[in-house]
């Protein structure tokens, strides 16, 4: 059986984390014994970590990664890096805010042997028009800088073959803020076998989003500089 790391970054998610763990943990059924639900929780100032420690008593394949930066992007890089280090076959990433639906995972898993990366496409978004607009801008920038057309560059619902992921993760700084966007660009730009599947995307189920529009704009300005560097790498 193929091994799977189901990975999630978490930051101040006490309102959602227990429900999300209970909803997603069954995804590990039928996978290799090496498979894990791996959650990166560093820097939370609420009860997220305490809840996760309690849940470990009920869910033995739940592991907590605590030695990462508290920011979302570096947590993703740390999670992906552990999947590579541990020799896992596939990594699936989603977020811990309850916006994605585990019932849609099987359609991705069943197609895993045909693709190096299967990425979610949020055609309808429940998190507001402003975030949908930001994603459209991101896709335009990805097309401009990297000459690839993608419908959704940053969806937190993606299944990747770890052997393929390992080709590109090392190109990103460990503190990089938007790794999913660049990984999508690399997979498509270098003609890895990829597809985009439509997924649902609910409003945040509880708590407060730690990344507001002001922060997104700030990250975006920095991203333009970073994109130019990655553009040179892709042309090398």
C-alpha atoms as a PDB file:
ATOM      1  CA  UNK A   1       0.000   0.000   0.000  1.00  0.00           C
ATOM      2  CA  UNK A   2       1.163   3.527  -0.733  1.00  0.00           C
ATOM      3  CA  UNK A   3       2.144   5.710   2.199  1.00  0.00           C
ATOM      4  CA  UNK A   4       0.566   9.107   2.720  1.00  0.00           C
ATOM      5  CA  UNK A   5       1.364  12.121   4.847  1.00  0.00           C
ATOM      6  CA  UNK A   6      -1.747  14.242   5.232  1.00  0.00           C
ATOM      7  CA  UNK A   7      -0.249  17.571   6.280  1.00  0.00           C
ATOM      8  CA  UNK A   8      -1.740  20.756   7.693  1.00  0.00           C
ATOM      9  CA  UNK A   9      -0.280  23.980   9.040  1.00  0.00           C
ATOM     10  CA  UNK A  10      -2.054  25.296  12.142  1.00  0.00           C
ATOM     11  CA  UNK A  11      -1.973  28.634  13.935  1.00  0.00           C
ATOM     12  CA  UNK A  12      -4.487  29.620  16.616  1.00  0.00           C
ATOM     13  CA  UNK A  13      -7.093  27.146  15.374  1.00  0.00           C
ATOM     14  CA  UNK A  14      -8.651  26.132  18.697  1.00  0.00           C
ATOM     15  CA  UNK A  15     -12.112  26.760  17.238  1.00  0.00           C
ATOM     16  CA  UNK A  16     -11.560  24.306  14.374  1.00  0.00           C
ATOM     17  CA  UNK A  17      -8.739  21.890  15.061  1.00  0.00           C
ATOM     18  CA  UNK A  18     -10.625  19.125  16.868  1.00  0.00           C
ATOM     19  CA  UNK A  19     -13.382  18.943  14.272  1.00  0.00           C
ATOM     20  CA  UNK A  20     -10.873  19.040  11.422  1.00  0.00           C
ATOM     21  CA  UNK A  21      -8.769  16.205  12.894  1.00  0.00           C
ATOM     22  CA  UNK A  22     -11.850  14.037  13.421  1.00  0.00           C
ATOM     23  CA  UNK A  23     -13.084  14.702   9.891  1.00  0.00           C
ATOM     24  CA  UNK A  24      -9.773  14.076   8.133  1.00  0.00           C
ATOM     25  CA  UNK A  25      -8.226  11.256  10.169  1.00  0.00           C
ATOM     26  CA  UNK A  26     -10.294   8.507   8.434  1.00  0.00           C
ATOM     27  CA  UNK A  27      -8.506   9.398   5.177  1.00  0.00           C
ATOM     28  CA  UNK A  28      -5.562   7.357   6.502  1.00  0.00           C
ATOM     29  CA  UNK A  29      -7.594   4.138   6.438  1.00  0.00           C
ATOM     30  CA  UNK A  30      -6.357   1.692   3.815  1.00  0.00           C
ATOM     31  CA  UNK A  31      -2.983   3.388   3.517  1.00  0.00           C
ATOM     32  CA  UNK A  32       0.438   2.081   4.543  1.00  0.00           C
ATOM     33  CA  UNK A  33       1.193   1.864   8.270  1.00  0.00           C
ATOM     34  CA  UNK A  34       3.738   4.637   7.720  1.00  0.00           C
ATOM     35  CA  UNK A  35       0.927   7.034   6.891  1.00  0.00           C
ATOM     36  CA  UNK A  36       0.322   9.934   9.267  1.00  0.00           C
ATOM     37  CA  UNK A  37      -1.788  13.028   9.871  1.00  0.00           C
ATOM     38  CA  UNK A  38       0.976  15.561  10.432  1.00  0.00           C
ATOM     39  CA  UNK A  39       0.110  19.003  11.767  1.00  0.00           C
ATOM     40  CA  UNK A  40       2.621  21.827  12.111  1.00  0.00           C
ATOM     41  CA  UNK A  41       1.695  23.847  15.177  1.00  0.00           C
ATOM     42  CA  UNK A  42       4.312  26.389  16.162  1.00  0.00           C
ATOM     43  CA  UNK A  43       3.604  29.773  17.692  1.00  0.00           C
ATOM     44  CA  UNK A  44      -0.069  29.292  18.560  1.00  0.00           C
ATOM     45  CA  UNK A  45      -1.044  31.434  21.546  1.00  0.00           C
ATOM     46  CA  UNK A  46      -4.424  29.792  22.129  1.00  0.00           C
ATOM     47  CA  UNK A  47      -5.306  26.198  23.085  1.00  0.00           C
ATOM     48  CA  UNK A  48      -4.513  24.633  19.695  1.00  0.00           C
ATOM     49  CA  UNK A  49      -1.460  22.740  20.961  1.00  0.00           C
ATOM     50  CA  UNK A  50      -3.214  21.465  24.100  1.00  0.00           C
ATOM     51  CA  UNK A  51      -6.103  20.170  22.003  1.00  0.00           C
ATOM     52  CA  UNK A  52      -3.721  18.394  19.637  1.00  0.00           C
ATOM     53  CA  UNK A  53      -1.895  16.724  22.526  1.00  0.00           C
ATOM     54  CA  UNK A  54      -5.215  15.451  23.880  1.00  0.00           C
ATOM     55  CA  UNK A  55      -6.289  14.211  20.451  1.00  0.00           C
ATOM     56  CA  UNK A  56      -3.086  12.169  20.123  1.00  0.00           C
ATOM     57  CA  UNK A  57      -4.421   9.858  22.837  1.00  0.00           C
ATOM     58  CA  UNK A  58      -7.363   8.966  20.592  1.00  0.00           C
ATOM     59  CA  UNK A  59      -5.631   9.191  17.214  1.00  0.00           C
ATOM     60  CA  UNK A  60      -2.271   7.375  17.314  1.00  0.00           C
ATOM     61  CA  UNK A  61      -1.264   8.395  13.780  1.00  0.00           C
ATOM     62  CA  UNK A  62      -1.602  12.078  14.586  1.00  0.00           C
ATOM     63  CA  UNK A  63       1.818  13.719  14.856  1.00  0.00           C
ATOM     64  CA  UNK A  64       2.640  17.316  15.756  1.00  0.00           C
ATOM     65  CA  UNK A  65       5.505  19.179  14.154  1.00  0.00           C
ATOM     66  CA  UNK A  66       6.606  21.974  16.489  1.00  0.00           C
ATOM     67  CA  UNK A  67      10.041  22.986  15.223  1.00  0.00           C
ATOM     68  CA  UNK A  68       8.922  25.194  12.325  1.00  0.00           C
ATOM     69  CA  UNK A  69       8.415  28.920  11.935  1.00  0.00           C
ATOM     70  CA  UNK A  70       4.979  30.134  13.015  1.00  0.00           C
ATOM     71  CA  UNK A  71       4.191  31.495   9.545  1.00  0.00           C
ATOM     72  CA  UNK A  72       2.039  29.497   7.120  1.00  0.00           C
ATOM     73  CA  UNK A  73       4.560  29.179   4.263  1.00  0.00           C
ATOM     74  CA  UNK A  74       7.540  27.970   6.312  1.00  0.00           C
ATOM     75  CA  UNK A  75       5.258  25.459   8.019  1.00  0.00           C
ATOM     76  CA  UNK A  76       4.297  24.018   4.643  1.00  0.00           C
ATOM     77  CA  UNK A  77       7.948  23.744   3.627  1.00  0.00           C
ATOM     78  CA  UNK A  78       8.778  21.973   6.892  1.00  0.00           C
ATOM     79  CA  UNK A  79       5.878  19.550   6.436  1.00  0.00           C
ATOM     80  CA  UNK A  80       6.818  18.753   2.857  1.00  0.00           C
ATOM     81  CA  UNK A  81      10.456  18.366   3.874  1.00  0.00           C
ATOM     82  CA  UNK A  82       9.560  15.791   6.512  1.00  0.00           C
ATOM     83  CA  UNK A  83       7.600  13.766   3.966  1.00  0.00           C
ATOM     84  CA  UNK A  84      10.700  13.736   1.762  1.00  0.00           C
ATOM     85  CA  UNK A  85      13.044  12.852   4.632  1.00  0.00           C
ATOM     86  CA  UNK A  86      10.775  10.041   5.831  1.00  0.00           C
ATOM     87  CA  UNK A  87      10.545   8.468   2.376  1.00  0.00           C
ATOM     88  CA  UNK A  88       6.772   8.798   2.036  1.00  0.00           C
ATOM     89  CA  UNK A  89       5.122   8.065  -1.316  1.00  0.00           C
ATOM     90  CA  UNK A  90       2.528  10.852  -1.397  1.00  0.00           C
ATOM     91  CA  UNK A  91       1.811  14.053   0.483  1.00  0.00           C
ATOM     92  CA  UNK A  92      -1.610  15.679   0.604  1.00  0.00           C
ATOM     93  CA  UNK A  93      -1.903  19.200   1.940  1.00  0.00           C
ATOM     94  CA  UNK A  94      -4.931  21.013   3.218  1.00  0.00           C
ATOM     95  CA  UNK A  95      -5.528  23.665   5.875  1.00  0.00           C
ATOM     96  CA  UNK A  96      -6.814  23.332   9.424  1.00  0.00           C
ATOM     97  CA  UNK A  97      -9.594  25.930   9.225  1.00  0.00           C
ATOM     98  CA  UNK A  98     -12.360  23.620   8.031  1.00  0.00           C
ATOM     99  CA  UNK A  99     -12.794  25.156   4.587  1.00  0.00           C
ATOM    100  CA  UNK A 100     -12.125  21.966   2.615  1.00  0.00           C
ATOM    101  CA  UNK A 101     -14.144  18.761   2.430  1.00  0.00           C
ATOM    102  CA  UNK A 102     -12.499  15.376   3.150  1.00  0.00           C
ATOM    103  CA  UNK A 103     -15.220  13.662   1.127  1.00  0.00           C
ATOM    104  CA  UNK A 104     -13.510  15.048  -1.982  1.00  0.00           C
ATOM    105  CA  UNK A 105     -10.154  13.437  -1.193  1.00  0.00           C
ATOM    106  CA  UNK A 106     -10.887   9.992  -2.657  1.00  0.00           C
ATOM    107  CA  UNK A 107     -11.300  11.384  -6.186  1.00  0.00           C
ATOM    108  CA  UNK A 108      -7.730  12.678  -5.940  1.00  0.00           C
ATOM    109  CA  UNK A 109      -6.317   9.504  -4.385  1.00  0.00           C
ATOM    110  CA  UNK A 110      -7.872   7.235  -6.986  1.00  0.00           C
ATOM    111  CA  UNK A 111      -6.043   9.148  -9.734  1.00  0.00           C
ATOM    112  CA  UNK A 112      -2.660   9.267  -7.971  1.00  0.00           C
ATOM    113  CA  UNK A 113      -0.883   6.746 -10.229  1.00  0.00           C
ATOM    114  CA  UNK A 114      -1.638   8.865 -13.294  1.00  0.00           C
ATOM    115  CA  UNK A 115      -0.211  12.172 -12.053  1.00  0.00           C
ATOM    116  CA  UNK A 116       2.729  13.728 -10.240  1.00  0.00           C
ATOM    117  CA  UNK A 117       0.494  16.432  -8.844  1.00  0.00           C
ATOM    118  CA  UNK A 118      -3.269  16.833  -8.555  1.00  0.00           C
ATOM    119  CA  UNK A 119      -4.290  20.340  -7.527  1.00  0.00           C
ATOM    120  CA  UNK A 120      -7.611  21.688  -6.332  1.00  0.00           C
ATOM    121  CA  UNK A 121      -9.466  24.302  -8.341  1.00  0.00           C
ATOM    122  CA  UNK A 122     -11.766  26.521  -6.262  1.00  0.00           C
ATOM    123  CA  UNK A 123     -14.279  27.536  -8.930  1.00  0.00           C
ATOM    124  CA  UNK A 124     -16.707  28.741  -6.259  1.00  0.00           C
ATOM    125  CA  UNK A 125     -15.263  30.266  -3.115  1.00  0.00           C
ATOM    126  CA  UNK A 126     -16.994  30.778   0.187  1.00  0.00           C
ATOM    127  CA  UNK A 127     -14.274  32.986   1.641  1.00  0.00           C
ATOM    128  CA  UNK A 128     -15.235  36.189  -0.110  1.00  0.00           C
ATOM    129  CA  UNK A 129     -14.807  38.049  -3.385  1.00  0.00           C
ATOM    130  CA  UNK A 130     -11.617  39.796  -2.270  1.00  0.00           C
ATOM    131  CA  UNK A 131      -9.730  36.539  -1.865  1.00  0.00           C
ATOM    132  CA  UNK A 132     -11.089  35.205  -5.160  1.00  0.00           C
ATOM    133  CA  UNK A 133      -9.809  38.392  -6.811  1.00  0.00           C
ATOM    134  CA  UNK A 134      -6.373  37.934  -5.225  1.00  0.00           C
ATOM    135  CA  UNK A 135      -6.189  34.409  -6.638  1.00  0.00           C
ATOM    136  CA  UNK A 136      -7.032  35.669 -10.132  1.00  0.00           C
ATOM    137  CA  UNK A 137      -4.217  38.194  -9.870  1.00  0.00           C
ATOM    138  CA  UNK A 138      -1.841  35.460  -8.693  1.00  0.00           C
ATOM    139  CA  UNK A 139      -2.717  33.291 -11.690  1.00  0.00           C
ATOM    140  CA  UNK A 140      -2.110  36.255 -14.011  1.00  0.00           C
ATOM    141  CA  UNK A 141       1.313  36.844 -12.451  1.00  0.00           C
ATOM    142  CA  UNK A 142       2.203  33.152 -12.713  1.00  0.00           C
ATOM    143  CA  UNK A 143       1.306  33.276 -16.395  1.00  0.00           C
ATOM    144  CA  UNK A 144       3.333  36.464 -16.928  1.00  0.00           C
ATOM    145  CA  UNK A 145       6.495  35.370 -15.111  1.00  0.00           C
ATOM    146  CA  UNK A 146       6.563  31.631 -15.752  1.00  0.00           C
ATOM    147  CA  UNK A 147       4.572  31.250 -18.976  1.00  0.00           C
ATOM    148  CA  UNK A 148       2.162  28.716 -17.524  1.00  0.00           C
ATOM    149  CA  UNK A 149      -1.601  28.903 -17.337  1.00  0.00           C
ATOM    150  CA  UNK A 150      -3.229  27.525 -14.179  1.00  0.00           C
ATOM    151  CA  UNK A 151      -6.807  27.963 -12.909  1.00  0.00           C
ATOM    152  CA  UNK A 152      -5.841  28.038  -9.222  1.00  0.00           C
ATOM    153  CA  UNK A 153      -2.223  28.344  -8.079  1.00  0.00           C
ATOM    154  CA  UNK A 154      -2.613  28.317  -4.320  1.00  0.00           C
ATOM    155  CA  UNK A 155      -5.424  25.923  -3.403  1.00  0.00           C
ATOM    156  CA  UNK A 156      -4.838  24.181  -0.048  1.00  0.00           C
ATOM    157  CA  UNK A 157      -6.059  20.875  -1.460  1.00  0.00           C
ATOM    158  CA  UNK A 158      -3.261  19.125  -3.337  1.00  0.00           C
ATOM    159  CA  UNK A 159      -1.888  15.618  -3.693  1.00  0.00           C
ATOM    160  CA  UNK A 160       1.727  15.395  -4.795  1.00  0.00           C
ATOM    161  CA  UNK A 161       4.085  12.524  -5.489  1.00  0.00           C
ATOM    162  CA  UNK A 162       6.908  13.052  -3.015  1.00  0.00           C
ATOM    163  CA  UNK A 163       9.608  11.979  -5.480  1.00  0.00           C
ATOM    164  CA  UNK A 164       8.483  14.794  -7.784  1.00  0.00           C
ATOM    165  CA  UNK A 165       8.061  17.294  -4.969  1.00  0.00           C
ATOM    166  CA  UNK A 166      11.665  16.662  -3.933  1.00  0.00           C
ATOM    167  CA  UNK A 167      12.883  18.076  -7.275  1.00  0.00           C
ATOM    168  CA  UNK A 168      11.552  21.531  -6.467  1.00  0.00           C
ATOM    169  CA  UNK A 169      11.215  22.020  -2.719  1.00  0.00           C
ATOM    170  CA  UNK A 170      14.938  22.707  -2.327  1.00  0.00           C
ATOM    171  CA  UNK A 171      14.637  25.648  -4.721  1.00  0.00           C
ATOM    172  CA  UNK A 172      12.547  27.520  -2.135  1.00  0.00           C
ATOM    173  CA  UNK A 173      14.019  29.323   0.894  1.00  0.00           C
ATOM    174  CA  UNK A 174      12.918  27.668   4.148  1.00  0.00           C
ATOM    175  CA  UNK A 175      11.188  30.876   5.211  1.00  0.00           C
ATOM    176  CA  UNK A 176       9.364  31.391   1.903  1.00  0.00           C
ATOM    177  CA  UNK A 177       5.806  32.674   2.370  1.00  0.00           C
ATOM    178  CA  UNK A 178       3.963  31.236  -0.638  1.00  0.00           C
ATOM    179  CA  UNK A 179       5.475  27.833  -1.464  1.00  0.00           C
ATOM    180  CA  UNK A 180       2.282  26.327  -2.885  1.00  0.00           C
ATOM    181  CA  UNK A 181       2.157  28.937  -5.642  1.00  0.00           C
ATOM    182  CA  UNK A 182       5.727  28.272  -6.691  1.00  0.00           C
ATOM    183  CA  UNK A 183       5.370  24.496  -6.474  1.00  0.00           C
ATOM    184  CA  UNK A 184       2.338  24.673  -8.751  1.00  0.00           C
ATOM    185  CA  UNK A 185       4.344  26.803 -11.180  1.00  0.00           C
ATOM    186  CA  UNK A 186       7.319  24.427 -11.143  1.00  0.00           C
ATOM    187  CA  UNK A 187       5.183  21.309 -11.665  1.00  0.00           C
ATOM    188  CA  UNK A 188       3.422  22.827 -14.671  1.00  0.00           C
ATOM    189  CA  UNK A 189       6.417  24.693 -16.121  1.00  0.00           C
ATOM    190  CA  UNK A 190       8.572  21.565 -16.208  1.00  0.00           C
ATOM    191  CA  UNK A 191       5.807  19.396 -17.632  1.00  0.00           C
ATOM    192  CA  UNK A 192       5.242  17.107 -14.705  1.00  0.00           C
ATOM    193  CA  UNK A 193       2.026  15.147 -15.079  1.00  0.00           C
ATOM    194  CA  UNK A 194      -0.534  17.425 -13.449  1.00  0.00           C
ATOM    195  CA  UNK A 195      -4.252  18.043 -13.416  1.00  0.00           C
ATOM    196  CA  UNK A 196      -6.644  20.411 -11.678  1.00  0.00           C
ATOM    197  CA  UNK A 197      -9.836  19.084 -10.120  1.00  0.00           C
ATOM    198  CA  UNK A 198     -12.750  21.225  -9.055  1.00  0.00           C
ATOM    199  CA  UNK A 199     -13.261  21.331  -5.289  1.00  0.00           C
ATOM    200  CA  UNK A 200     -15.655  23.076  -2.953  1.00  0.00           C
ATOM    201  CA  UNK A 201     -14.357  25.754  -0.610  1.00  0.00           C
ATOM    202  CA  UNK A 202     -16.386  26.777   2.418  1.00  0.00           C
ATOM    203  CA  UNK A 203     -16.165  29.910   4.534  1.00  0.00           C
ATOM    204  CA  UNK A 204     -13.817  29.649   7.513  1.00  0.00           C
ATOM    205  CA  UNK A 205     -15.655  27.469  10.032  1.00  0.00           C
ATOM    206  CA  UNK A 206     -14.526  29.316  13.160  1.00  0.00           C
ATOM    207  CA  UNK A 207     -11.887  31.604  14.588  1.00  0.00           C
ATOM    208  CA  UNK A 208     -10.127  34.450  12.830  1.00  0.00           C
ATOM    209  CA  UNK A 209      -7.956  34.236   9.744  1.00  0.00           C
ATOM    210  CA  UNK A 210      -4.393  35.208  10.645  1.00  0.00           C
ATOM    211  CA  UNK A 211      -3.697  36.423   7.081  1.00  0.00           C
ATOM    212  CA  UNK A 212      -5.805  39.455   6.228  1.00  0.00           C
ATOM    213  CA  UNK A 213      -5.903  41.426   2.995  1.00  0.00           C
ATOM    214  CA  UNK A 214      -3.299  43.898   4.234  1.00  0.00           C
ATOM    215  CA  UNK A 215      -0.868  41.059   4.883  1.00  0.00           C
ATOM    216  CA  UNK A 216      -1.702  39.526   1.507  1.00  0.00           C
ATOM    217  CA  UNK A 217      -0.798  42.797  -0.225  1.00  0.00           C
ATOM    218  CA  UNK A 218       2.473  42.968   1.710  1.00  0.00           C
ATOM    219  CA  UNK A 219       3.318  39.392   0.794  1.00  0.00           C
ATOM    220  CA  UNK A 220       2.347  40.152  -2.797  1.00  0.00           C
ATOM    221  CA  UNK A 221       4.827  43.000  -3.172  1.00  0.00           C
ATOM    222  CA  UNK A 222       7.586  40.748  -1.849  1.00  0.00           C
ATOM    223  CA  UNK A 223       6.420  37.982  -4.201  1.00  0.00           C
ATOM    224  CA  UNK A 224       7.041  40.146  -7.269  1.00  0.00           C
ATOM    225  CA  UNK A 225      10.717  40.398  -6.368  1.00  0.00           C
ATOM    226  CA  UNK A 226      10.896  36.677  -5.610  1.00  0.00           C
ATOM    227  CA  UNK A 227       9.166  35.781  -8.879  1.00  0.00           C
ATOM    228  CA  UNK A 228      11.894  37.514 -10.839  1.00  0.00           C
ATOM    229  CA  UNK A 229      14.469  35.323  -9.121  1.00  0.00           C
ATOM    230  CA  UNK A 230      12.503  32.166  -9.761  1.00  0.00           C
ATOM    231  CA  UNK A 231      11.984  33.271 -13.362  1.00  0.00           C
ATOM    232  CA  UNK A 232      15.754  33.273 -13.873  1.00  0.00           C
ATOM    233  CA  UNK A 233      15.990  29.818 -12.315  1.00  0.00           C
ATOM    234  CA  UNK A 234      13.383  28.422 -14.674  1.00  0.00           C
ATOM    235  CA  UNK A 235      15.245  29.815 -17.679  1.00  0.00           C
ATOM    236  CA  UNK A 236      18.602  28.425 -16.547  1.00  0.00           C
END
